């Protein structure tokens, strides 16, 4: 009995291996597999045929046909006046509101930060002497003096001013702060 089991245990895997080798040999017949992307001539109509539900679209007549007429061009719709009047009124209202705005978020240059009031005033005189249109702000919080220059709305404006003031101050730092818009009022 033991011999029969031993033979079955050894013979079955060998038999399976031989069958696998025989099917993989070059002379063995192979099944032909068609690619899914190539339509076959015997392909049946799909089960969901939607042609019955599609709207019929007539074919356009050939360009040289005797009865073919080009479609008349429609003129573009003209804008209505009441919309433009409303827009103009809202723009006027917004302009009037903007005239009353005094402050905006912007940037100033910190050109001096230190303990010496005389040095802060000397830098202030040098900046005002060279650029009289620049606005300066000297603040004192004991014991530190801070000298700010300018009211700039964009980073580009403050970068240009910083490059102009490079020779007048030892250092200049950009600080985001609230700036004055209308200096004349």
Protein backbone atom coordinates (compact mmCIF):
# COMPACT_ATOMS: atom_id res chain seq x y z
CA UNK A 1 0.00 0.00 0.00
CA UNK A 2 2.86 2.28 0.81
CA UNK A 3 4.36 1.74 -2.63
CA UNK A 4 1.15 2.79 -4.37
CA UNK A 5 0.93 6.06 -2.47
CA UNK A 6 4.59 6.84 -3.11
CA UNK A 7 4.14 6.24 -6.83
CA UNK A 8 1.03 8.44 -6.93
CA UNK A 9 2.78 11.22 -5.05
CA UNK A 10 5.72 11.19 -7.48
CA UNK A 11 3.88 10.32 -10.69
CA UNK A 12 1.15 12.98 -10.58
CA UNK A 13 3.50 16.03 -10.49
CA UNK A 14 5.70 14.49 -13.21
CA UNK A 15 2.66 13.84 -15.36
CA UNK A 16 1.47 17.44 -14.94
CA UNK A 17 4.93 18.74 -15.82
CA UNK A 18 5.00 16.66 -19.02
CA UNK A 19 1.60 17.95 -20.08
CA UNK A 20 2.71 21.54 -19.54
CA UNK A 21 5.89 21.02 -21.52
CA UNK A 22 4.01 19.36 -24.38
CA UNK A 23 1.57 22.27 -24.69
CA UNK A 24 4.40 24.83 -24.69
CA UNK A 25 6.50 23.11 -27.36
CA UNK A 26 6.91 24.88 -30.70
CA UNK A 27 5.12 22.15 -32.58
CA UNK A 28 2.04 22.21 -30.37
CA UNK A 29 -1.13 23.74 -31.79
CA UNK A 30 -1.97 27.15 -30.40
CA UNK A 31 -5.26 28.89 -29.99
CA UNK A 32 -5.62 32.08 -32.02
CA UNK A 33 -6.53 35.06 -29.86
CA UNK A 34 -7.88 38.17 -31.53
CA UNK A 35 -7.22 41.57 -30.04
CA UNK A 36 -10.15 43.37 -28.47
CA UNK A 37 -9.44 46.54 -30.45
CA UNK A 38 -9.71 44.89 -33.87
CA UNK A 39 -13.34 44.56 -35.00
CA UNK A 40 -14.19 41.17 -36.27
CA UNK A 41 -16.39 40.57 -39.24
CA UNK A 42 -18.68 38.34 -37.24
CA UNK A 43 -19.22 40.86 -34.44
CA UNK A 44 -22.88 40.97 -33.53
CA UNK A 45 -24.87 44.16 -33.04
CA UNK A 46 -24.62 45.30 -29.42
CA UNK A 47 -27.61 44.61 -27.24
CA UNK A 48 -28.26 48.35 -26.67
CA UNK A 49 -29.04 49.66 -30.13
CA UNK A 50 -29.90 53.35 -29.68
CA UNK A 51 -30.54 54.24 -33.31
CA UNK A 52 -34.29 54.21 -32.74
CA UNK A 53 -33.96 57.01 -30.15
CA UNK A 54 -31.63 59.35 -32.07
CA UNK A 55 -33.04 62.42 -33.77
CA UNK A 56 -32.85 62.26 -37.54
CA UNK A 57 -30.43 64.82 -38.95
CA UNK A 58 -30.76 65.51 -42.64
CA UNK A 59 -27.55 65.48 -44.62
CA UNK A 60 -26.48 68.95 -45.82
CA UNK A 61 -26.92 69.52 -49.54
CA UNK A 62 -23.74 69.54 -51.59
CA UNK A 63 -22.15 72.95 -52.05
CA UNK A 64 -22.77 73.07 -55.77
CA UNK A 65 -26.41 71.93 -55.61
CA UNK A 66 -28.84 74.18 -57.49
CA UNK A 67 -31.38 74.50 -54.63
CA UNK A 68 -28.82 75.22 -51.86
CA UNK A 69 -29.31 78.62 -50.19
CA UNK A 70 -26.99 80.00 -47.51
CA UNK A 71 -28.66 80.72 -44.18
CA UNK A 72 -29.27 84.44 -43.62
CA UNK A 73 -26.81 86.01 -41.15
CA UNK A 74 -28.42 87.36 -38.00
CA UNK A 75 -27.29 90.75 -36.76
CA UNK A 76 -25.61 90.82 -33.37
CA UNK A 77 -27.96 91.91 -30.58
CA UNK A 78 -27.48 95.51 -29.52
CA UNK A 79 -26.87 96.27 -25.84
CA UNK A 80 -29.77 97.80 -23.99
CA UNK A 81 -29.39 101.29 -22.61
CA UNK A 82 -30.78 100.70 -19.15
CA UNK A 83 -27.98 98.25 -18.28
CA UNK A 84 -25.31 100.76 -19.25
CA UNK A 85 -26.99 103.51 -17.24
CA UNK A 86 -27.06 101.27 -14.15
CA UNK A 87 -23.40 100.37 -14.57
CA UNK A 88 -22.43 104.02 -14.99
CA UNK A 89 -24.37 105.00 -11.86
CA UNK A 90 -22.69 102.27 -9.79
CA UNK A 91 -19.27 103.31 -11.06
CA UNK A 92 -19.97 106.92 -10.07
CA UNK A 93 -21.12 105.79 -6.60
CA UNK A 94 -18.00 103.69 -6.14
CA UNK A 95 -15.74 106.56 -7.26
CA UNK A 96 -17.43 108.87 -4.75
CA UNK A 97 -16.97 106.29 -1.99
CA UNK A 98 -13.31 105.84 -2.91
CA UNK A 99 -12.68 109.57 -2.57
CA UNK A 100 -13.47 109.31 1.14
CA UNK A 101 -10.97 106.48 1.76
CA UNK A 102 -7.94 107.89 3.56
CA UNK A 103 -5.93 104.80 4.46
CA UNK A 104 -5.02 101.53 2.77
CA UNK A 105 -2.78 98.58 3.43
CA UNK A 106 0.68 99.33 2.03
CA UNK A 107 4.39 99.58 2.82
CA UNK A 108 6.89 101.98 4.36
CA UNK A 109 10.67 101.91 4.56
CA UNK A 110 12.24 101.77 8.02
CA UNK A 111 15.47 103.69 7.44
CA UNK A 112 16.58 104.21 11.04
CA UNK A 113 16.10 102.23 14.23
CA UNK A 114 18.20 103.30 17.19
CA UNK A 115 18.73 105.26 20.37
CA UNK A 116 20.22 108.48 18.91
CA UNK A 117 17.75 111.26 18.09
CA UNK A 118 20.43 113.37 16.42
CA UNK A 119 21.37 110.56 14.05
CA UNK A 120 17.68 109.97 13.17
CA UNK A 121 17.26 113.70 12.41
CA UNK A 122 20.45 113.73 10.26
CA UNK A 123 19.13 110.84 8.13
CA UNK A 124 15.75 112.56 7.92
CA UNK A 125 17.35 115.80 6.66
CA UNK A 126 19.41 113.87 4.08
CA UNK A 127 16.34 112.03 2.72
CA UNK A 128 14.18 115.17 2.59
CA UNK A 129 17.02 117.19 1.02
CA UNK A 130 17.39 114.71 -1.83
CA UNK A 131 13.72 113.67 -2.21
CA UNK A 132 11.45 116.50 -0.95
CA UNK A 133 8.24 114.74 -2.08
CA UNK A 134 8.83 111.76 0.21
CA UNK A 135 6.81 111.69 3.44
CA UNK A 136 8.72 110.87 6.61
CA UNK A 137 7.47 109.63 9.98
CA UNK A 138 9.65 109.82 13.08
CA UNK A 139 8.31 107.82 16.02
CA UNK A 140 9.65 107.43 19.53
CA UNK A 141 8.87 104.60 21.89
CA UNK A 142 11.23 104.89 24.82
CA UNK A 143 14.13 104.44 24.29
CA UNK A 144 13.99 103.68 20.54
CA UNK A 145 13.62 106.11 17.62
CA UNK A 146 12.20 104.83 14.34
CA UNK A 147 12.31 106.77 11.07
CA UNK A 148 9.93 105.62 8.33
CA UNK A 149 9.91 107.00 4.78
CA UNK A 150 7.14 106.96 2.18
CA UNK A 151 3.65 105.63 1.63
CA UNK A 152 3.75 102.87 -0.99
CA UNK A 153 0.87 100.69 -2.11
CA UNK A 154 2.81 97.96 -3.97
CA UNK A 155 5.99 95.98 -3.34
CA UNK A 156 7.38 97.26 -6.62
CA UNK A 157 7.10 100.91 -5.53
CA UNK A 158 8.79 100.24 -2.20
CA UNK A 159 11.59 98.25 -3.89
CA UNK A 160 12.30 101.18 -6.22
CA UNK A 161 12.39 103.61 -3.27
CA UNK A 162 14.68 101.29 -1.34
CA UNK A 163 17.16 101.22 -4.21
CA UNK A 164 17.07 105.06 -4.41
CA UNK A 165 17.74 105.47 -0.69
CA UNK A 166 20.55 102.90 -0.56
CA UNK A 167 23.34 105.51 -0.43
CA UNK A 168 21.66 107.72 2.17
CA UNK A 169 21.07 105.13 4.90
CA UNK A 170 22.99 102.25 6.33
CA UNK A 171 20.03 99.92 6.02
CA UNK A 172 16.44 100.11 4.90
CA UNK A 173 13.79 97.51 5.71
CA UNK A 174 10.36 97.11 4.14
CA UNK A 175 7.50 97.03 6.63
CA UNK A 176 3.86 96.36 5.85
CA UNK A 177 1.63 98.96 7.48
CA UNK A 178 -1.38 101.19 6.95
CA UNK A 179 -0.48 104.09 4.64
CA UNK A 180 -2.06 107.47 3.89
CA UNK A 181 -3.67 107.68 0.42
CA UNK A 182 -4.72 111.32 0.03
CA UNK A 183 -1.91 113.50 1.37
CA UNK A 184 -3.52 116.72 0.08
CA UNK A 185 -6.70 116.44 2.17
